[in-house]
């Protein structure tokens, strides 16, 4: 059965624009046939105690939590990556969410040229972070997903680059 999903950010914006409470908008969203919410990790970390009960009361569930990571930022990055990843995985567990979307990290200005040494090195460090995320998430029954991301500063901005990460 197909289920419809909506970004929580759209719910919050609709409440603000229409002068309705978040609960009223969540109930309308449910009435319109939505069952699931795509959730920004940063917002959920800040407002978890408000958002999760609100969604449950409205009959909505978190489908996926997305997060902008900075994986592979430094040469010695794995411990820093682990801390970032663990926070989002723990959040997904608390939200009873089985998927996290990893926006893994971005290249610096001097790394933008595809095929350059800087590009290759940073992309490989990011991939190490993604592998770590997949391993950590699997232990909690969570699937890590990625998508192509607009902008040349993402080393996964094209389908070929995204396929490289998947492989």
Protein backbone atom coordinates (compact mmCIF):
# COMPACT_ATOMS: atom_id res chain seq x y z
CA UNK A 1 0.00 0.00 0.00
CA UNK A 2 1.33 3.41 -0.93
CA UNK A 3 1.50 6.00 1.79
CA UNK A 4 1.82 9.73 1.29
CA UNK A 5 4.51 11.70 3.04
CA UNK A 6 4.94 15.42 3.67
CA UNK A 7 7.83 17.49 4.97
CA UNK A 8 7.29 18.69 8.53
CA UNK A 9 8.74 22.03 7.43
CA UNK A 10 5.70 22.43 5.16
CA UNK A 11 3.39 21.70 8.08
CA UNK A 12 5.12 24.32 10.24
CA UNK A 13 5.03 26.87 7.41
CA UNK A 14 1.32 26.21 6.74
CA UNK A 15 0.52 26.74 10.43
CA UNK A 16 2.35 30.05 10.41
CA UNK A 17 0.83 31.28 7.14
CA UNK A 18 -2.73 30.24 8.01
CA UNK A 19 -2.68 31.21 11.66
CA UNK A 20 -3.56 27.66 12.71
CA UNK A 21 -1.99 25.58 15.44
CA UNK A 22 0.45 22.83 14.50
CA UNK A 23 -2.08 20.32 15.80
CA UNK A 24 -4.80 21.70 13.52
CA UNK A 25 -2.51 21.52 10.48
CA UNK A 26 -1.38 17.99 11.37
CA UNK A 27 -5.02 16.89 11.60
CA UNK A 28 -5.75 18.50 8.21
CA UNK A 29 -2.70 16.77 6.72
CA UNK A 30 -4.02 13.45 8.01
CA UNK A 31 -7.48 14.22 6.60
CA UNK A 32 -5.86 14.89 3.20
CA UNK A 33 -4.53 11.33 3.23
CA UNK A 34 -0.98 11.77 4.50
CA UNK A 35 0.35 9.23 6.98
CA UNK A 36 4.05 10.06 7.10
CA UNK A 37 6.34 13.00 7.75
CA UNK A 38 9.85 13.71 6.47
CA UNK A 39 11.73 15.26 9.37
CA UNK A 40 14.76 17.53 9.61
CA UNK A 41 17.08 16.12 12.29
CA UNK A 42 18.15 19.54 13.55
CA UNK A 43 14.55 20.63 14.13
CA UNK A 44 13.59 17.33 15.71
CA UNK A 45 16.57 17.50 18.08
CA UNK A 46 15.46 20.97 19.19
CA UNK A 47 11.72 20.23 19.43
CA UNK A 48 11.48 16.47 19.96
CA UNK A 49 9.35 16.70 23.10
CA UNK A 50 6.78 18.79 21.21
CA UNK A 51 6.87 17.20 17.75
CA UNK A 52 6.75 13.46 18.46
CA UNK A 53 3.64 13.59 20.70
CA UNK A 54 1.98 15.98 18.23
CA UNK A 55 2.55 13.61 15.32
CA UNK A 56 1.38 10.59 17.31
CA UNK A 57 -1.78 12.40 18.43
CA UNK A 58 -2.52 13.28 14.80
CA UNK A 59 -1.95 9.73 13.56
CA UNK A 60 1.23 10.66 11.69
CA UNK A 61 4.58 8.88 11.84
CA UNK A 62 8.12 9.85 10.91
CA UNK A 63 9.05 8.23 7.60
CA UNK A 64 12.61 9.48 7.30
CA UNK A 65 14.92 11.80 9.18
CA UNK A 66 17.29 13.79 7.01
CA UNK A 67 20.47 15.44 8.22
CA UNK A 68 23.24 17.58 6.80
CA UNK A 69 26.43 15.94 8.02
CA UNK A 70 30.02 17.11 7.68
CA UNK A 71 31.51 13.66 7.25
CA UNK A 72 35.19 13.46 6.34
CA UNK A 73 35.92 17.09 7.12
CA UNK A 74 39.31 16.36 8.64
CA UNK A 75 42.03 13.83 7.89
CA UNK A 76 41.36 12.15 11.26
CA UNK A 77 37.57 12.29 10.99
CA UNK A 78 36.09 8.95 12.04
CA UNK A 79 35.53 9.73 15.72
CA UNK A 80 33.94 13.08 14.89
CA UNK A 81 31.82 11.37 12.23
CA UNK A 82 30.78 8.69 14.74
CA UNK A 83 29.47 11.33 17.16
CA UNK A 84 27.40 13.07 14.45
CA UNK A 85 25.99 9.79 13.17
CA UNK A 86 25.17 8.40 16.60
CA UNK A 87 23.05 11.45 17.49
CA UNK A 88 20.88 11.03 14.39
CA UNK A 89 20.57 7.25 14.76
CA UNK A 90 19.52 7.63 18.40
CA UNK A 91 16.99 10.25 17.31
CA UNK A 92 15.60 7.86 14.68
CA UNK A 93 15.24 5.14 17.29
CA UNK A 94 13.31 7.48 19.60
CA UNK A 95 11.09 8.55 16.67
CA UNK A 96 10.47 4.91 15.68
CA UNK A 97 11.87 5.79 12.26
CA UNK A 98 13.61 3.16 10.16
CA UNK A 99 15.37 5.46 7.65
CA UNK A 100 17.85 8.30 7.75
CA UNK A 101 18.76 10.32 4.69
CA UNK A 102 22.41 11.25 4.82
CA UNK A 103 23.48 14.48 3.14
CA UNK A 104 27.04 13.42 3.77
CA UNK A 105 29.17 16.53 3.40
CA UNK A 106 30.41 19.14 1.03
CA UNK A 107 33.62 19.90 -0.80
CA UNK A 108 35.70 22.99 -0.15
CA UNK A 109 36.36 25.50 -2.93
CA UNK A 110 39.77 24.01 -3.80
CA UNK A 111 38.27 20.49 -4.07
CA UNK A 112 35.50 21.23 -6.57
CA UNK A 113 37.39 20.14 -9.67
CA UNK A 114 36.25 16.59 -10.35
CA UNK A 115 39.21 14.22 -10.56
CA UNK A 116 41.60 16.50 -8.65
CA UNK A 117 43.60 15.08 -5.76
CA UNK A 118 41.63 17.19 -3.26
CA UNK A 119 38.31 16.03 -4.66
CA UNK A 120 39.31 12.36 -4.61
CA UNK A 121 40.74 12.51 -1.08
CA UNK A 122 37.76 14.32 0.44
CA UNK A 123 35.24 12.16 -1.40
CA UNK A 124 36.96 9.05 -0.03
CA UNK A 125 36.85 10.42 3.53
CA UNK A 126 33.14 11.19 3.11
CA UNK A 127 32.59 7.65 1.81
CA UNK A 128 34.33 6.25 4.90
CA UNK A 129 31.88 8.25 7.01
CA UNK A 130 28.93 6.95 4.99
CA UNK A 131 30.18 3.36 5.44
CA UNK A 132 30.42 3.99 9.18
CA UNK A 133 26.84 5.37 9.18
CA UNK A 134 25.56 2.29 7.34
CA UNK A 135 27.28 -0.04 9.83
CA UNK A 136 26.07 1.84 12.89
CA UNK A 137 22.51 2.23 11.59
CA UNK A 138 22.21 -1.44 10.61
CA UNK A 139 22.86 -2.45 14.22
CA UNK A 140 19.69 -0.54 15.17
CA UNK A 141 17.58 -1.75 12.22
CA UNK A 142 17.86 1.59 10.40
CA UNK A 143 18.53 1.99 6.69
CA UNK A 144 20.80 4.77 5.46
CA UNK A 145 19.74 6.38 2.21
CA UNK A 146 21.28 9.07 0.02
CA UNK A 147 20.02 11.15 -2.88
CA UNK A 148 21.66 13.28 -5.50
CA UNK A 149 22.03 16.77 -4.07
CA UNK A 150 21.95 19.94 -6.13
CA UNK A 151 25.18 21.87 -6.24
CA UNK A 152 28.72 21.12 -7.28
CA UNK A 153 29.97 21.27 -3.71
CA UNK A 154 28.26 17.92 -3.09
CA UNK A 155 30.39 15.04 -4.37
CA UNK A 156 27.08 13.18 -4.93
CA UNK A 157 25.37 15.80 -7.07
CA UNK A 158 25.08 13.63 -10.18
CA UNK A 159 23.73 10.14 -10.66
CA UNK A 160 27.24 8.88 -11.51
CA UNK A 161 28.64 10.32 -8.30
CA UNK A 162 25.75 8.94 -6.26
CA UNK A 163 26.26 5.53 -7.86
CA UNK A 164 29.94 5.68 -6.83
CA UNK A 165 28.87 6.13 -3.21
CA UNK A 166 26.34 3.31 -3.46
CA UNK A 167 28.96 0.94 -4.89
